[in-house]
Amino acid sequence: MAELVFDTARQPQLAGVRGVKTNTRHLAWRAGKWSVDLRLETPACAGRLNMTGQVLNHQDPAQAVSQAWISLRTAQQTLAATATNQFGEFSLNYGGGSGEPAAPAGAPIEDVRLFVDVAGNDEPVLIPLGLLNAEFQAGDSANDSSLQTGAGA
């Protein structure tokens, strides 16, 4: 399982901007030689999540991570999937917009995990998205002091 190494929700806010709500969160994860940078956005419509990211080999930055398979899953099904481009970048949407998969009944974001399957890697990198609590889903990560770690997610 990947380890969270950076989260904007855990960074102190500058004076004068503490009351500003943000719908964007930046997270960085590491597992072995792989780093996964994620930018999560919750649009104004509830229950949606837009995710962009990049997969990198932090031990060999010159190694391209193209065509890694990225999937958003619950224990029961794959919600969305894509492959990285030649730069290791990807984009996924979750939440049942037009043409997008809907969250299955009883599968809140806390039960959703991001799998990063890089060719030649024995096991996929597993990123628990249980860090996204109800406040962030509502677009209020600026004042979130109750953020849980990925343990048990």
Protein backbone atom coordinates (compact mmCIF):
# COMPACT_ATOMS: atom_id res chain seq x y z
CA MET A 1 0.00 0.00 0.00
CA ALA A 2 1.26 3.48 -0.85
CA GLU A 3 2.34 5.92 1.85
CA LEU A 4 1.01 9.47 1.88
CA VAL A 5 3.97 11.88 1.77
CA PHE A 6 2.20 15.19 1.05
CA ASP A 7 -1.31 16.56 1.49
CA THR A 8 -2.30 20.20 1.02
CA ALA A 9 -5.05 19.76 3.65
CA ARG A 10 -2.28 19.27 6.23
CA GLN A 11 -0.42 22.44 5.28
CA PRO A 12 -0.96 25.58 7.36
CA GLN A 13 -2.90 28.30 5.57
CA LEU A 14 -1.46 31.75 5.08
CA ALA A 15 -2.79 34.51 7.31
CA GLY A 16 -5.89 36.07 5.82
CA VAL A 17 -6.91 33.03 3.74
CA ARG A 18 -8.03 30.66 6.50
CA GLY A 19 -11.70 31.20 5.72
CA VAL A 20 -11.29 30.49 2.00
CA LYS A 21 -12.82 27.21 0.90
CA THR A 22 -11.11 25.20 -1.79
CA ASN A 23 -12.41 22.43 -3.99
CA THR A 24 -8.91 21.24 -4.88
CA ARG A 25 -6.50 19.03 -3.00
CA HIS A 26 -2.99 17.90 -3.92
CA LEU A 27 -1.69 14.59 -2.58
CA ALA A 28 1.60 12.77 -3.16
CA TRP A 29 2.03 9.05 -2.49
CA ARG A 30 5.03 6.70 -2.57
CA ALA A 31 5.29 2.94 -2.85
CA GLY A 32 8.69 1.43 -3.54
CA LYS A 33 10.26 3.28 -6.45
CA TRP A 34 6.93 4.75 -7.59
CA SER A 35 5.57 8.19 -6.80
CA VAL A 36 2.00 9.16 -7.63
CA ASP A 37 1.02 12.83 -7.56
CA LEU A 38 -2.73 13.44 -7.46
CA ARG A 39 -4.81 16.56 -7.87
CA LEU A 40 -8.38 16.01 -6.72
CA GLU A 41 -11.16 18.43 -7.49
CA THR A 42 -14.72 18.31 -6.25
CA PRO A 43 -16.93 20.33 -8.58
CA ALA A 44 -19.95 22.21 -7.26
CA CYS A 45 -22.21 19.23 -7.90
CA ALA A 46 -22.09 16.88 -4.93
CA GLY A 47 -20.79 13.35 -5.30
CA ARG A 48 -18.37 14.03 -8.14
CA LEU A 49 -14.60 13.81 -8.10
CA ASN A 50 -12.21 14.80 -10.88
CA MET A 51 -8.74 13.35 -10.56
CA THR A 52 -5.60 14.17 -12.53
CA GLY A 53 -2.23 12.73 -11.71
CA GLN A 54 1.20 11.60 -12.74
CA VAL A 55 3.09 8.38 -12.06
CA LEU A 56 6.86 8.73 -11.70
CA ASN A 57 9.82 6.48 -10.93
CA HIS A 58 11.59 8.61 -8.30
CA GLN A 59 14.63 6.27 -8.35
CA ASP A 60 15.07 6.70 -12.12
CA PRO A 61 13.35 9.94 -13.21
CA ALA A 62 14.43 9.38 -16.83
CA GLN A 63 12.32 6.21 -17.05
CA ALA A 64 9.07 6.95 -18.81
CA VAL A 65 5.96 5.52 -17.15
CA SER A 66 3.77 5.44 -20.25
CA GLN A 67 0.82 3.10 -20.56
CA ALA A 68 0.56 2.31 -16.85
CA TRP A 69 -2.99 1.12 -16.17
CA ILE A 70 -4.88 3.34 -13.70
CA SER A 71 -8.19 2.21 -12.24
CA LEU A 72 -10.61 3.49 -9.63
CA ARG A 73 -12.22 0.49 -7.86
CA THR A 74 -14.38 -0.71 -5.06
CA ALA A 75 -14.22 -4.30 -3.83
CA GLN A 76 -17.06 -5.14 -6.24
CA GLN A 77 -16.31 -3.24 -9.44
CA THR A 78 -14.13 -0.94 -11.50
CA LEU A 79 -15.61 2.57 -11.56
CA ALA A 80 -13.24 4.16 -14.07
CA ALA A 81 -10.02 3.23 -15.81
CA THR A 82 -7.46 4.77 -18.12
CA ALA A 83 -3.81 4.51 -19.13
CA THR A 84 -1.09 7.06 -18.56
CA ASN A 85 0.24 9.05 -21.50
CA GLN A 86 3.92 9.19 -22.53
CA PHE A 87 4.63 11.48 -19.54
CA GLY A 88 2.94 9.24 -16.97
CA GLU A 89 -0.07 11.59 -16.71
CA PHE A 90 -3.69 10.51 -16.38
CA SER A 91 -7.19 11.85 -15.74
CA LEU A 92 -10.25 10.11 -14.25
CA ASN A 93 -13.75 11.24 -13.28
CA TYR A 94 -15.93 9.64 -10.63
CA GLY A 95 -19.50 10.36 -9.68
CA GLY A 96 -22.05 9.70 -12.37
CA GLY A 97 -21.92 12.72 -14.64
CA SER A 98 -23.00 12.35 -18.23
CA GLY A 99 -21.20 9.33 -19.64
CA GLU A 100 -19.32 8.68 -16.39
CA PRO A 101 -19.71 5.73 -14.06
CA ALA A 102 -21.95 6.27 -11.06
CA ALA A 103 -20.88 5.20 -7.61
CA PRO A 104 -22.64 1.96 -6.78
CA ALA A 105 -25.15 2.12 -3.95
CA GLY A 106 -23.38 1.83 -0.62
CA ALA A 107 -19.93 2.64 -2.04
CA PRO A 108 -18.86 6.01 -0.64
CA ILE A 109 -15.53 7.50 -1.70
CA GLU A 110 -13.98 6.05 1.47
CA ASP A 111 -14.40 2.57 -0.08
CA VAL A 112 -12.80 3.57 -3.38
CA ARG A 113 -9.16 2.81 -4.09
CA LEU A 114 -6.86 3.88 -6.89
CA PHE A 115 -4.81 1.09 -8.45
CA VAL A 116 -1.68 1.95 -10.46
CA ASP A 117 -0.46 -1.03 -12.46
CA VAL A 118 2.93 -0.35 -14.03
CA ALA A 119 4.21 -2.86 -16.59
CA GLY A 120 6.98 -4.99 -15.12
CA ASN A 121 5.95 -4.24 -11.52
CA ASP A 122 4.94 -7.36 -9.55
CA GLU A 123 1.98 -5.74 -7.79
CA PRO A 124 -0.04 -2.61 -8.49
CA VAL A 125 0.40 0.43 -6.28
CA LEU A 126 -2.69 0.70 -4.07
CA ILE A 127 -3.84 4.16 -2.94
CA PRO A 128 -6.72 4.31 -0.44
CA LEU A 129 -8.92 7.32 -1.03
CA GLY A 130 -10.46 7.05 2.44
CA LEU A 131 -8.57 10.24 3.27
CA LEU A 132 -11.37 12.12 1.58
CA ASN A 133 -13.75 12.86 4.40
CA ALA A 134 -17.22 14.37 4.16
CA GLU A 135 -15.87 17.91 4.58
CA PHE A 136 -13.65 17.62 1.51
CA GLN A 137 -16.42 16.01 -0.51
CA ALA A 138 -18.49 19.08 0.28
CA GLY A 139 -15.59 21.28 -0.85
CA ASP A 140 -14.31 22.34 2.59
CA SER A 141 -10.74 21.09 2.97
CA ALA A 142 -9.33 24.47 3.96
CA ASN A 143 -10.38 24.14 7.59
CA ASP A 144 -10.10 20.37 7.94
CA SER A 145 -8.23 19.46 11.09
CA SER A 146 -9.79 16.02 11.52
CA LEU A 147 -8.17 14.37 8.53
CA GLN A 148 -7.52 10.68 9.07
CA THR A 149 -4.49 8.78 7.79
CA GLY A 150 -4.83 6.06 5.19
CA ALA A 151 -4.61 3.34 7.85
CA GLY A 152 -7.54 1.00 7.72
CA ALA A 153 -8.88 2.53 4.50
